[in-house]
Amino acid sequence: EFGKQLGSIIIMIDLVIGYTAIQSMAIWARANDMILHLHRAG
């Protein structure tokens, strides 16, 4: 929601949050016309 309020179109999340959280955020991103970028620094 914070990124959307700022006017951003891309939201980056870290893969370590887990499968369930990623799926929930993906559903939210699609519903809000946002791009979800999955990131994992090595």
PDB file of N, CA and C in Angstrom:
ATOM      1  N   GLU A   1       0.821  -1.193   0.000  1.00  0.00           N
ATOM      2  CA  GLU A   1       0.000   0.000   0.000  1.00  0.00           C
ATOM      3  C   GLU A   1       0.864   1.256   0.000  1.00  0.00           C
ATOM      4  N   PHE A   2       1.974   1.222   0.715  1.00  0.00           N
ATOM      5  CA  PHE A   2       2.851   2.393   0.777  1.00  0.00           C
ATOM      6  C   PHE A   2       3.411   2.733  -0.596  1.00  0.00           C
ATOM      7  N   GLY A   3       3.877   1.722  -1.318  1.00  0.00           N
ATOM      8  CA  GLY A   3       4.397   1.952  -2.662  1.00  0.00           C
ATOM      9  C   GLY A   3       3.333   2.507  -3.598  1.00  0.00           C
ATOM     10  N   LYS A   4       2.122   2.017  -3.460  1.00  0.00           N
ATOM     11  CA  LYS A   4       1.024   2.502  -4.291  1.00  0.00           C
ATOM     12  C   LYS A   4       0.732   3.968  -3.988  1.00  0.00           C
ATOM     13  N   GLN A   5       0.748   4.332  -2.710  1.00  0.00           N
ATOM     14  CA  GLN A   5       0.509   5.721  -2.319  1.00  0.00           C
ATOM     15  C   GLN A   5       1.589   6.651  -2.862  1.00  0.00           C
ATOM     16  N   LEU A   6       2.812   6.139  -2.973  1.00  0.00           N
ATOM     17  CA  LEU A   6       3.907   6.948  -3.508  1.00  0.00           C
ATOM     18  C   LEU A   6       3.827   7.107  -5.023  1.00  0.00           C
ATOM     19  N   GLY A   7       3.014   6.288  -5.658  1.00  0.00           N
ATOM     20  CA  GLY A   7       2.880   6.345  -7.105  1.00  0.00           C
ATOM     21  C   GLY A   7       3.793   5.384  -7.838  1.00  0.00           C
ATOM     22  N   SER A   8       4.410   4.483  -7.112  1.00  0.00           N
ATOM     23  CA  SER A   8       5.302   3.498  -7.726  1.00  0.00           C
ATOM     24  C   SER A   8       4.480   2.454  -8.480  1.00  0.00           C
ATOM     25  N   ILE A   9       5.063   1.895  -9.533  1.00  0.00           N
ATOM     26  CA  ILE A   9       4.371   0.819 -10.252  1.00  0.00           C
ATOM     27  C   ILE A   9       5.041  -0.530 -10.014  1.00  0.00           C
ATOM     28  N   ILE A  10       6.229  -0.526  -9.410  1.00  0.00           N
ATOM     29  CA  ILE A  10       6.963  -1.765  -9.153  1.00  0.00           C
ATOM     30  C   ILE A  10       7.199  -1.907  -7.654  1.00  0.00           C
ATOM     31  N   ILE A  11       6.872  -3.071  -7.119  1.00  0.00           N
ATOM     32  CA  ILE A  11       7.106  -3.382  -5.714  1.00  0.00           C
ATOM     33  C   ILE A  11       8.098  -4.541  -5.661  1.00  0.00           C
ATOM     34  N   MET A  12       9.170  -4.381  -4.903  1.00  0.00           N
ATOM     35  CA  MET A  12      10.181  -5.433  -4.798  1.00  0.00           C
ATOM     36  C   MET A  12      10.061  -6.115  -3.438  1.00  0.00           C
ATOM     37  N   ILE A  13      10.054  -7.446  -3.454  1.00  0.00           N
ATOM     38  CA  ILE A  13      10.024  -8.210  -2.212  1.00  0.00           C
ATOM     39  C   ILE A  13      11.158  -9.232  -2.230  1.00  0.00           C
ATOM     40  N   ASP A  14      11.544  -9.683  -1.063  1.00  0.00           N
ATOM     41  CA  ASP A  14      12.606 -10.680  -0.933  1.00  0.00           C
ATOM     42  C   ASP A  14      11.977 -12.073  -0.872  1.00  0.00           C
ATOM     43  N   LEU A  15      12.592 -13.027  -1.532  1.00  0.00           N
ATOM     44  CA  LEU A  15      12.047 -14.383  -1.598  1.00  0.00           C
ATOM     45  C   LEU A  15      11.971 -15.087  -0.247  1.00  0.00           C
ATOM     46  N   VAL A  16      12.738 -14.641   0.747  1.00  0.00           N
ATOM     47  CA  VAL A  16      12.755 -15.342   2.029  1.00  0.00           C
ATOM     48  C   VAL A  16      11.466 -15.152   2.833  1.00  0.00           C
ATOM     49  N   ILE A  17      10.537 -14.300   2.369  1.00  0.00           N
ATOM     50  CA  ILE A  17       9.293 -14.115   3.122  1.00  0.00           C
ATOM     51  C   ILE A  17       8.406 -15.352   3.060  1.00  0.00           C
ATOM     52  N   GLY A  18       8.645 -16.220   2.075  1.00  0.00           N
ATOM     53  CA  GLY A  18       7.907 -17.476   2.012  1.00  0.00           C
ATOM     54  C   GLY A  18       6.837 -17.507   0.937  1.00  0.00           C
ATOM     55  N   TYR A  19       6.477 -18.725   0.563  1.00  0.00           N
ATOM     56  CA  TYR A  19       5.556 -18.967  -0.543  1.00  0.00           C
ATOM     57  C   TYR A  19       4.188 -18.328  -0.318  1.00  0.00           C
ATOM     58  N   THR A  20       3.614 -18.508   0.859  1.00  0.00           N
ATOM     59  CA  THR A  20       2.268 -17.998   1.127  1.00  0.00           C
ATOM     60  C   THR A  20       2.223 -16.483   1.028  1.00  0.00           C
ATOM     61  N   ALA A  21       3.205 -15.815   1.612  1.00  0.00           N
ATOM     62  CA  ALA A  21       3.250 -14.353   1.551  1.00  0.00           C
ATOM     63  C   ALA A  21       3.456 -13.868   0.119  1.00  0.00           C
ATOM     64  N   ILE A  22       4.292 -14.567  -0.639  1.00  0.00           N
ATOM     65  CA  ILE A  22       4.528 -14.184  -2.035  1.00  0.00           C
ATOM     66  C   ILE A  22       3.231 -14.301  -2.832  1.00  0.00           C
ATOM     67  N   GLN A  23       2.493 -15.388  -2.633  1.00  0.00           N
ATOM     68  CA  GLN A  23       1.239 -15.569  -3.356  1.00  0.00           C
ATOM     69  C   GLN A  23       0.230 -14.490  -2.989  1.00  0.00           C
ATOM     70  N   SER A  24       0.137 -14.156  -1.708  1.00  0.00           N
ATOM     71  CA  SER A  24      -0.786 -13.106  -1.267  1.00  0.00           C
ATOM     72  C   SER A  24      -0.412 -11.765  -1.883  1.00  0.00           C
ATOM     73  N   MET A  25       0.879 -11.465  -1.907  1.00  0.00           N
ATOM     74  CA  MET A  25       1.329 -10.200  -2.484  1.00  0.00           C
ATOM     75  C   MET A  25       1.143 -10.181  -3.995  1.00  0.00           C
ATOM     76  N   ALA A  26       1.285 -11.334  -4.647  1.00  0.00           N
ATOM     77  CA  ALA A  26       1.067 -11.411  -6.092  1.00  0.00           C
ATOM     78  C   ALA A  26      -0.394 -11.131  -6.436  1.00  0.00           C
ATOM     79  N   ILE A  27      -1.296 -11.677  -5.656  1.00  0.00           N
ATOM     80  CA  ILE A  27      -2.725 -11.423  -5.866  1.00  0.00           C
ATOM     81  C   ILE A  27      -3.026  -9.941  -5.677  1.00  0.00           C
ATOM     82  N   TRP A  28      -2.456  -9.353  -4.620  1.00  0.00           N
ATOM     83  CA  TRP A  28      -2.650  -7.925  -4.365  1.00  0.00           C
ATOM     84  C   TRP A  28      -2.095  -7.092  -5.519  1.00  0.00           C
ATOM     85  N   ALA A  29      -0.899  -7.439  -5.996  1.00  0.00           N
ATOM     86  CA  ALA A  29      -0.264  -6.679  -7.070  1.00  0.00           C
ATOM     87  C   ALA A  29      -1.109  -6.713  -8.345  1.00  0.00           C
ATOM     88  N   ARG A  30      -1.628  -7.884  -8.687  1.00  0.00           N
ATOM     89  CA  ARG A  30      -2.477  -7.980  -9.881  1.00  0.00           C
ATOM     90  C   ARG A  30      -3.748  -7.160  -9.722  1.00  0.00           C
ATOM     91  N   ALA A  31      -4.335  -7.198  -8.543  1.00  0.00           N
ATOM     92  CA  ALA A  31      -5.575  -6.454  -8.299  1.00  0.00           C
ATOM     93  C   ALA A  31      -5.356  -4.945  -8.329  1.00  0.00           C
ATOM     94  N   ASN A  32      -4.125  -4.506  -8.057  1.00  0.00           N
ATOM     95  CA  ASN A  32      -3.825  -3.078  -7.987  1.00  0.00           C
ATOM     96  C   ASN A  32      -2.962  -2.587  -9.148  1.00  0.00           C
ATOM     97  N   ASP A  33      -2.882  -3.378 -10.212  1.00  0.00           N
ATOM     98  CA  ASP A  33      -2.110  -3.012 -11.411  1.00  0.00           C
ATOM     99  C   ASP A  33      -0.667  -2.647 -11.083  1.00  0.00           C
ATOM    100  N   MET A  34      -0.040  -3.450 -10.246  1.00  0.00           N
ATOM    101  CA  MET A  34       1.349  -3.232  -9.854  1.00  0.00           C
ATOM    102  C   MET A  34       2.199  -4.385 -10.386  1.00  0.00           C
ATOM    103  N   ILE A  35       3.500  -4.139 -10.519  1.00  0.00           N
ATOM    104  CA  ILE A  35       4.457  -5.171 -10.914  1.00  0.00           C
ATOM    105  C   ILE A  35       5.172  -5.643  -9.657  1.00  0.00           C
ATOM    106  N   LEU A  36       5.174  -6.938  -9.424  1.00  0.00           N
ATOM    107  CA  LEU A  36       5.838  -7.507  -8.256  1.00  0.00           C
ATOM    108  C   LEU A  36       7.176  -8.094  -8.693  1.00  0.00           C
ATOM    109  N   HIS A  37       8.249  -7.572  -8.138  1.00  0.00           N
ATOM    110  CA  HIS A  37       9.596  -8.038  -8.473  1.00  0.00           C
ATOM    111  C   HIS A  37      10.123  -8.871  -7.308  1.00  0.00           C
ATOM    112  N   LEU A  38      10.433 -10.127  -7.571  1.00  0.00           N
ATOM    113  CA  LEU A  38      10.963 -11.016  -6.542  1.00  0.00           C
ATOM    114  C   LEU A  38      12.480 -10.949  -6.565  1.00  0.00           C
ATOM    115  N   HIS A  39      13.079 -10.682  -5.433  1.00  0.00           N
ATOM    116  CA  HIS A  39      14.518 -10.450  -5.368  1.00  0.00           C
ATOM    117  C   HIS A  39      15.136 -11.309  -4.267  1.00  0.00           C
ATOM    118  N   ARG A  40      16.329 -11.797  -4.541  1.00  0.00           N
ATOM    119  CA  ARG A  40      17.089 -12.504  -3.506  1.00  0.00           C
ATOM    120  C   ARG A  40      18.560 -12.220  -3.715  1.00  0.00           C
ATOM    121  N   ALA A  41      19.125 -11.442  -2.822  1.00  0.00           N
ATOM    122  CA  ALA A  41      20.551 -11.140  -2.902  1.00  0.00           C
ATOM    123  C   ALA A  41      21.333 -12.347  -2.394  1.00  0.00           C
ATOM    124  N   GLY A  42      22.385 -12.674  -3.083  1.00  0.00           N
ATOM    125  CA  GLY A  42      23.135 -13.875  -2.812  1.00  0.00           C
ATOM    126  C   GLY A  42      24.070 -13.797  -1.680  1.00  0.00           C
TER     127      GLY A  42
END
